[in-house]
Amino acid sequence: MEPVGFNRGFFTVDVRYYYKVTAEAFVGAARPVEISGLCVFDKRVILFGSEGAAKIFSSQTALEGLDEQLLRQSNLPTAVVEVVDPIVLNMKLVDVCECRPCDCQLSDIPPCICNCFGCELCCGGEGKRIYVTLGQFSIIRLERDTQLLIPVYDYCLPEKECACGGCNGDEDPCEIFRHVKFPVNEFFPPSNPLPGGECHHPGKGCCS
């Protein structure tokens, strides 16, 4: 992610996708052999991420540890990419010739990507090559930490209701249940716990 030179608040985001493609190869009438290959796709987008030049210092920083990146940060946005599994649109087998070199070099592939394959990747010009066309749905966005003022209300208590027709008399269980206070603390933590012997009634202030 790099800021755009002449458009303040805009950033260019360069994304490189790595795909591990698995296929079955038939040689004559023998049983199919499973082969794996690598597809690479680059995409660049320009997004608005606003401006910010503040320095951020976190209490999570350990000066003797390995998290020196937390020592001082800026409030620049962070690029986030969400993807789903790609769709195979087309696949073709072509002969390799010197006039059609490999699109990528092994030195450009991160070691963690190479470790996803059981053997060493081959970018030579011998044999044949499979070209795969993939359809990729993705969402690329910029995120930044900010403070918002949001109104907060107390817990919403359900109203006591008992619809049992035919209940009457002094020993009416529904009438007894109506006089039982709703156990708020059993469902929610106290919104303002007070020390000592003081009590707190939600919505009615405090009493001692």
C-alpha atoms as a PDB file:
ATOM      1  CA  MET A   1       0.000   0.000   0.000  1.00  0.00           C
ATOM      2  CA  GLU A   2       1.399   3.373  -1.076  1.00  0.00           C
ATOM      3  CA  PRO A   3      -0.141   6.871  -0.929  1.00  0.00           C
ATOM      4  CA  VAL A   4      -1.060   8.510  -4.227  1.00  0.00           C
ATOM      5  CA  GLY A   5       1.237  11.439  -4.876  1.00  0.00           C
ATOM      6  CA  PHE A   6      -1.210  14.061  -6.133  1.00  0.00           C
ATOM      7  CA  ASN A   7      -4.460  12.870  -4.534  1.00  0.00           C
ATOM      8  CA  ARG A   8      -4.346  13.328  -0.788  1.00  0.00           C
ATOM      9  CA  GLY A   9      -6.141  10.617   1.126  1.00  0.00           C
ATOM     10  CA  PHE A  10      -5.979   8.082  -1.728  1.00  0.00           C
ATOM     11  CA  PHE A  11      -3.814   4.961  -1.678  1.00  0.00           C
ATOM     12  CA  THR A  12      -2.798   2.394  -4.239  1.00  0.00           C
ATOM     13  CA  VAL A  13      -3.120  -1.194  -3.059  1.00  0.00           C
ATOM     14  CA  ASP A  14      -1.129  -3.839  -4.949  1.00  0.00           C
ATOM     15  CA  VAL A  15      -2.424  -7.367  -4.369  1.00  0.00           C
ATOM     16  CA  ARG A  16      -0.769 -10.548  -5.599  1.00  0.00           C
ATOM     17  CA  TYR A  17      -2.827 -13.732  -5.539  1.00  0.00           C
ATOM     18  CA  TYR A  18      -1.181 -17.160  -5.443  1.00  0.00           C
ATOM     19  CA  TYR A  19      -3.266 -20.171  -6.488  1.00  0.00           C
ATOM     20  CA  LYS A  20      -2.368 -23.809  -6.080  1.00  0.00           C
ATOM     21  CA  VAL A  21      -4.043 -25.636  -8.973  1.00  0.00           C
ATOM     22  CA  THR A  22      -4.393 -29.418  -8.913  1.00  0.00           C
ATOM     23  CA  ALA A  23      -5.160 -31.364 -12.090  1.00  0.00           C
ATOM     24  CA  GLU A  24      -5.123 -34.943 -13.377  1.00  0.00           C
ATOM     25  CA  ALA A  25      -2.813 -35.830 -16.254  1.00  0.00           C
ATOM     26  CA  PHE A  26      -3.372 -38.854 -18.503  1.00  0.00           C
ATOM     27  CA  VAL A  27      -0.451 -40.457 -20.313  1.00  0.00           C
ATOM     28  CA  GLY A  28      -1.808 -42.931 -22.841  1.00  0.00           C
ATOM     29  CA  ALA A  29      -4.187 -45.430 -21.272  1.00  0.00           C
ATOM     30  CA  ALA A  30      -2.541 -45.395 -17.864  1.00  0.00           C
ATOM     31  CA  ARG A  31      -4.204 -44.251 -14.690  1.00  0.00           C
ATOM     32  CA  PRO A  32      -4.339 -40.465 -14.177  1.00  0.00           C
ATOM     33  CA  VAL A  33      -1.524 -38.805 -12.276  1.00  0.00           C
ATOM     34  CA  GLU A  34      -2.238 -35.877  -9.987  1.00  0.00           C
ATOM     35  CA  ILE A  35      -0.107 -32.816 -10.708  1.00  0.00           C
ATOM     36  CA  SER A  36       0.000 -29.440  -8.963  1.00  0.00           C
ATOM     37  CA  GLY A  37       1.007 -26.056 -10.272  1.00  0.00           C
ATOM     38  CA  LEU A  38       1.086 -22.411  -9.345  1.00  0.00           C
ATOM     39  CA  CYS A  39      -0.941 -19.551 -10.808  1.00  0.00           C
ATOM     40  CA  VAL A  40      -0.114 -15.916 -10.043  1.00  0.00           C
ATOM     41  CA  PHE A  41      -2.352 -12.888 -10.546  1.00  0.00           C
ATOM     42  CA  ASP A  42      -1.604  -9.225  -9.774  1.00  0.00           C
ATOM     43  CA  LYS A  43      -4.247  -6.576  -9.168  1.00  0.00           C
ATOM     44  CA  ARG A  44      -3.970  -2.869  -8.365  1.00  0.00           C
ATOM     45  CA  VAL A  45      -6.731  -0.703  -6.966  1.00  0.00           C
ATOM     46  CA  ILE A  46      -6.923   2.916  -5.803  1.00  0.00           C
ATOM     47  CA  LEU A  47      -9.001   3.486  -2.688  1.00  0.00           C
ATOM     48  CA  PHE A  48      -9.750   6.436  -0.444  1.00  0.00           C
ATOM     49  CA  GLY A  49      -8.406   5.991   3.065  1.00  0.00           C
ATOM     50  CA  SER A  50      -8.505   9.579   4.364  1.00  0.00           C
ATOM     51  CA  GLU A  51      -5.546  11.330   5.955  1.00  0.00           C
ATOM     52  CA  GLY A  52      -3.795  10.957   9.260  1.00  0.00           C
ATOM     53  CA  ALA A  53      -0.382  11.933  10.574  1.00  0.00           C
ATOM     54  CA  ALA A  54      -0.669  11.101  14.276  1.00  0.00           C
ATOM     55  CA  LYS A  55       1.788   8.786  16.000  1.00  0.00           C
ATOM     56  CA  ILE A  56       0.363   5.942  18.075  1.00  0.00           C
ATOM     57  CA  PHE A  57       2.143   4.467  21.101  1.00  0.00           C
ATOM     58  CA  SER A  58       0.763   1.263  22.652  1.00  0.00           C
ATOM     59  CA  SER A  59       1.143  -0.141  26.154  1.00  0.00           C
ATOM     60  CA  GLN A  60       1.505  -3.578  24.558  1.00  0.00           C
ATOM     61  CA  THR A  61       5.028  -2.693  23.481  1.00  0.00           C
ATOM     62  CA  ALA A  62       7.766  -4.817  25.039  1.00  0.00           C
ATOM     63  CA  LEU A  63      11.045  -2.979  24.687  1.00  0.00           C
ATOM     64  CA  GLU A  64      12.988  -6.186  25.321  1.00  0.00           C
ATOM     65  CA  GLY A  65      10.822  -8.234  22.955  1.00  0.00           C
ATOM     66  CA  LEU A  66      10.554  -8.689  19.225  1.00  0.00           C
ATOM     67  CA  ASP A  67       7.540  -6.437  18.656  1.00  0.00           C
ATOM     68  CA  GLU A  68       9.435  -3.302  17.750  1.00  0.00           C
ATOM     69  CA  GLN A  69       6.729  -2.507  15.201  1.00  0.00           C
ATOM     70  CA  LEU A  70       4.458  -1.575  18.143  1.00  0.00           C
ATOM     71  CA  LEU A  71       6.908   1.004  19.450  1.00  0.00           C
ATOM     72  CA  ARG A  72       5.513   3.691  17.190  1.00  0.00           C
ATOM     73  CA  GLN A  73       2.740   3.406  14.669  1.00  0.00           C
ATOM     74  CA  SER A  74       0.823   5.833  12.531  1.00  0.00           C
ATOM     75  CA  ASN A  75      -2.915   5.990  12.006  1.00  0.00           C
ATOM     76  CA  LEU A  76      -2.651   5.198   8.310  1.00  0.00           C
ATOM     77  CA  PRO A  77      -5.256   2.771   6.985  1.00  0.00           C
ATOM     78  CA  THR A  78      -4.664  -0.956   6.666  1.00  0.00           C
ATOM     79  CA  ALA A  79      -5.444  -2.850   3.478  1.00  0.00           C
ATOM     80  CA  VAL A  80      -7.663  -5.923   3.907  1.00  0.00           C
ATOM     81  CA  VAL A  81      -8.541  -8.434   1.174  1.00  0.00           C
ATOM     82  CA  GLU A  82     -11.408 -10.920   1.393  1.00  0.00           C
ATOM     83  CA  VAL A  83     -11.569 -13.688  -1.218  1.00  0.00           C
ATOM     84  CA  VAL A  84     -13.591 -16.790  -1.986  1.00  0.00           C
ATOM     85  CA  ASP A  85     -12.453 -19.919  -3.794  1.00  0.00           C
ATOM     86  CA  PRO A  86     -11.813 -19.117  -7.468  1.00  0.00           C
ATOM     87  CA  ILE A  87     -13.818 -20.585 -10.349  1.00  0.00           C
ATOM     88  CA  VAL A  88     -11.985 -22.481 -13.085  1.00  0.00           C
ATOM     89  CA  LEU A  89     -13.156 -20.939 -16.365  1.00  0.00           C
ATOM     90  CA  ASN A  90     -10.792 -22.514 -18.872  1.00  0.00           C
ATOM     91  CA  MET A  91      -7.764 -24.780 -19.040  1.00  0.00           C
ATOM     92  CA  LYS A  92      -5.543 -25.641 -21.977  1.00  0.00           C
ATOM     93  CA  LEU A  93      -2.357 -27.583 -22.558  1.00  0.00           C
ATOM     94  CA  VAL A  94       0.285 -25.891 -24.727  1.00  0.00           C
ATOM     95  CA  ASP A  95       3.765 -26.731 -25.875  1.00  0.00           C
ATOM     96  CA  VAL A  96       6.604 -24.787 -24.289  1.00  0.00           C
ATOM     97  CA  CYS A  97       8.908 -22.935 -26.618  1.00  0.00           C
ATOM     98  CA  GLU A  98      11.698 -20.438 -26.170  1.00  0.00           C
ATOM     99  CA  CYS A  99       9.551 -17.671 -27.612  1.00  0.00           C
ATOM    100  CA  ARG A 100       7.136 -18.023 -24.683  1.00  0.00           C
ATOM    101  CA  PRO A 101       9.162 -17.729 -21.485  1.00  0.00           C
ATOM    102  CA  CYS A 102       7.790 -18.349 -18.046  1.00  0.00           C
ATOM    103  CA  ASP A 103       5.776 -15.445 -16.691  1.00  0.00           C
ATOM    104  CA  CYS A 104       7.328 -15.579 -13.229  1.00  0.00           C
ATOM    105  CA  GLN A 105      10.664 -16.546 -11.726  1.00  0.00           C
ATOM    106  CA  LEU A 106      11.190 -18.739  -8.708  1.00  0.00           C
ATOM    107  CA  SER A 107      13.017 -15.894  -7.007  1.00  0.00           C
ATOM    108  CA  ASP A 108       9.797 -13.847  -7.072  1.00  0.00           C
ATOM    109  CA  ILE A 109       7.800 -16.488  -5.179  1.00  0.00           C
ATOM    110  CA  PRO A 110       7.881 -16.290  -1.362  1.00  0.00           C
ATOM    111  CA  PRO A 111       9.325 -19.363   0.380  1.00  0.00           C
ATOM    112  CA  CYS A 112       6.069 -19.917   2.275  1.00  0.00           C
ATOM    113  CA  ILE A 113       4.272 -20.356  -1.060  1.00  0.00           C
ATOM    114  CA  CYS A 114       6.888 -22.790  -2.354  1.00  0.00           C
ATOM    115  CA  ASN A 115       6.531 -24.857   0.818  1.00  0.00           C
ATOM    116  CA  CYS A 116       2.874 -25.536  -0.045  1.00  0.00           C
ATOM    117  CA  PHE A 117       4.021 -27.920  -2.784  1.00  0.00           C
ATOM    118  CA  GLY A 118       5.447 -31.356  -2.187  1.00  0.00           C
ATOM    119  CA  CYS A 119       8.328 -30.826  -4.600  1.00  0.00           C
ATOM    120  CA  GLU A 120      10.303 -28.028  -6.143  1.00  0.00           C
ATOM    121  CA  LEU A 121       8.488 -25.846  -8.637  1.00  0.00           C
ATOM    122  CA  CYS A 122       9.698 -26.090 -12.222  1.00  0.00           C
ATOM    123  CA  CYS A 123       9.855 -23.013 -14.429  1.00  0.00           C
ATOM    124  CA  GLY A 124      11.945 -24.594 -17.181  1.00  0.00           C
ATOM    125  CA  GLY A 125      11.127 -24.819 -20.870  1.00  0.00           C
ATOM    126  CA  GLU A 126      10.875 -28.590 -21.193  1.00  0.00           C
ATOM    127  CA  GLY A 127       7.666 -30.576 -21.568  1.00  0.00           C
ATOM    128  CA  LYS A 128       4.269 -28.933 -21.748  1.00  0.00           C
ATOM    129  CA  ARG A 129       2.564 -26.188 -19.810  1.00  0.00           C
ATOM    130  CA  ILE A 130      -0.993 -25.829 -18.544  1.00  0.00           C
ATOM    131  CA  TYR A 131      -2.629 -22.415 -18.729  1.00  0.00           C
ATOM    132  CA  VAL A 132      -5.584 -21.933 -16.403  1.00  0.00           C
ATOM    133  CA  THR A 133      -8.109 -19.096 -16.492  1.00  0.00           C
ATOM    134  CA  LEU A 134      -9.618 -18.383 -13.067  1.00  0.00           C
ATOM    135  CA  GLY A 135     -12.493 -16.187 -12.015  1.00  0.00           C
ATOM    136  CA  GLN A 136     -11.917 -14.499  -8.666  1.00  0.00           C
ATOM    137  CA  PHE A 137     -14.412 -12.631  -6.495  1.00  0.00           C
ATOM    138  CA  SER A 138     -12.767 -10.437  -3.892  1.00  0.00           C
ATOM    139  CA  ILE A 139     -13.394  -7.389  -1.727  1.00  0.00           C
ATOM    140  CA  ILE A 140     -10.511  -4.993  -1.136  1.00  0.00           C
ATOM    141  CA  ARG A 141     -10.959  -2.289   1.459  1.00  0.00           C
ATOM    142  CA  LEU A 142      -9.017   0.100   3.668  1.00  0.00           C
ATOM    143  CA  GLU A 143      -9.557   0.078   7.424  1.00  0.00           C
ATOM    144  CA  ARG A 144      -8.463   2.544  10.063  1.00  0.00           C
ATOM    145  CA  ASP A 145      -9.126   2.938  13.787  1.00  0.00           C
ATOM    146  CA  THR A 146     -11.368   5.829  14.726  1.00  0.00           C
ATOM    147  CA  GLN A 147     -13.532   6.962  17.628  1.00  0.00           C
ATOM    148  CA  LEU A 148     -17.301   7.174  17.334  1.00  0.00           C
ATOM    149  CA  LEU A 149     -19.874   8.518  19.796  1.00  0.00           C
ATOM    150  CA  ILE A 150     -22.632   5.917  20.073  1.00  0.00           C
ATOM    151  CA  PRO A 151     -25.589   6.221  22.472  1.00  0.00           C
ATOM    152  CA  VAL A 152     -25.723   3.420  25.045  1.00  0.00           C
ATOM    153  CA  TYR A 153     -28.918   2.296  26.743  1.00  0.00           C
ATOM    154  CA  ASP A 154     -29.550   0.030  29.694  1.00  0.00           C
ATOM    155  CA  TYR A 155     -30.453  -3.623  29.286  1.00  0.00           C
ATOM    156  CA  CYS A 156     -33.820  -4.257  27.691  1.00  0.00           C
ATOM    157  CA  LEU A 157     -35.958  -6.241  30.138  1.00  0.00           C
ATOM    158  CA  PRO A 158     -38.767  -8.453  28.828  1.00  0.00           C
ATOM    159  CA  GLU A 159     -42.240  -7.755  30.150  1.00  0.00           C
ATOM    160  CA  LYS A 160     -43.752 -10.426  32.377  1.00  0.00           C
ATOM    161  CA  GLU A 161     -46.783 -11.953  30.753  1.00  0.00           C
ATOM    162  CA  CYS A 162     -48.813 -15.009  31.670  1.00  0.00           C
ATOM    163  CA  ALA A 163     -51.785 -15.981  29.520  1.00  0.00           C
ATOM    164  CA  CYS A 164     -53.364 -18.896  31.329  1.00  0.00           C
ATOM    165  CA  GLY A 165     -57.123 -18.592  31.252  1.00  0.00           C
ATOM    166  CA  GLY A 166     -59.106 -19.920  34.169  1.00  0.00           C
ATOM    167  CA  CYS A 167     -56.546 -19.036  36.875  1.00  0.00           C
ATOM    168  CA  ASN A 168     -58.334 -17.424  39.827  1.00  0.00           C
ATOM    169  CA  GLY A 169     -58.318 -17.433  43.604  1.00  0.00           C
ATOM    170  CA  ASP A 170     -55.787 -16.427  46.215  1.00  0.00           C
ATOM    171  CA  GLU A 171     -53.431 -19.261  45.256  1.00  0.00           C
ATOM    172  CA  ASP A 172     -53.219 -18.186  41.612  1.00  0.00           C
ATOM    173  CA  PRO A 173     -49.652 -19.110  40.543  1.00  0.00           C
ATOM    174  CA  CYS A 174     -49.715 -16.587  37.706  1.00  0.00           C
ATOM    175  CA  GLU A 175     -50.560 -13.783  40.112  1.00  0.00           C
ATOM    176  CA  ILE A 176     -47.739 -14.862  42.417  1.00  0.00           C
ATOM    177  CA  PHE A 177     -45.328 -14.930  39.506  1.00  0.00           C
ATOM    178  CA  ARG A 178     -46.277 -11.388  38.510  1.00  0.00           C
ATOM    179  CA  HIS A 179     -44.946 -10.123  41.848  1.00  0.00           C
ATOM    180  CA  VAL A 180     -41.565 -11.766  41.413  1.00  0.00           C
ATOM    181  CA  LYS A 181     -38.851  -9.351  40.315  1.00  0.00           C
ATOM    182  CA  PHE A 182     -37.107 -10.199  37.112  1.00  0.00           C
ATOM    183  CA  PRO A 183     -33.605 -11.607  37.941  1.00  0.00           C
ATOM    184  CA  VAL A 184     -31.612  -9.116  35.897  1.00  0.00           C
ATOM    185  CA  ASN A 185     -28.250 -10.038  37.401  1.00  0.00           C
ATOM    186  CA  GLU A 186     -28.775 -13.663  36.448  1.00  0.00           C
ATOM    187  CA  PHE A 187     -28.889 -12.734  32.763  1.00  0.00           C
ATOM    188  CA  PHE A 188     -26.574  -9.698  32.558  1.00  0.00           C
ATOM    189  CA  PRO A 189     -23.542  -8.484  34.493  1.00  0.00           C
ATOM    190  CA  PRO A 190     -24.238  -5.441  36.682  1.00  0.00           C
ATOM    191  CA  SER A 191     -24.021  -2.233  34.691  1.00  0.00           C
ATOM    192  CA  ASN A 192     -22.460  -0.319  37.618  1.00  0.00           C
ATOM    193  CA  PRO A 193     -21.171  -2.644  40.374  1.00  0.00           C
ATOM    194  CA  LEU A 194     -20.739  -0.806  43.681  1.00  0.00           C
ATOM    195  CA  PRO A 195     -18.428  -1.857  46.540  1.00  0.00           C
ATOM    196  CA  GLY A 196     -19.507  -2.483  50.110  1.00  0.00           C
ATOM    197  CA  GLY A 197     -23.103  -2.951  51.169  1.00  0.00           C
ATOM    198  CA  GLU A 198     -24.629  -0.584  48.670  1.00  0.00           C
ATOM    199  CA  CYS A 199     -27.261  -1.783  46.223  1.00  0.00           C
ATOM    200  CA  HIS A 200     -28.091  -0.689  42.726  1.00  0.00           C
ATOM    201  CA  HIS A 201     -31.498  -0.692  41.066  1.00  0.00           C
ATOM    202  CA  PRO A 202     -31.365  -0.377  37.260  1.00  0.00           C
ATOM    203  CA  GLY A 203     -33.059   2.800  36.163  1.00  0.00           C
ATOM    204  CA  LYS A 204     -33.844   3.971  39.731  1.00  0.00           C
ATOM    205  CA  GLY A 205     -30.508   5.275  40.933  1.00  0.00           C
ATOM    206  CA  CYS A 206     -28.598   3.988  43.971  1.00  0.00           C
ATOM    207  CA  CYS A 207     -29.529   3.637  47.592  1.00  0.00           C
ATOM    208  CA  SER A 208     -27.514   2.753  50.680  1.00  0.00           C
END
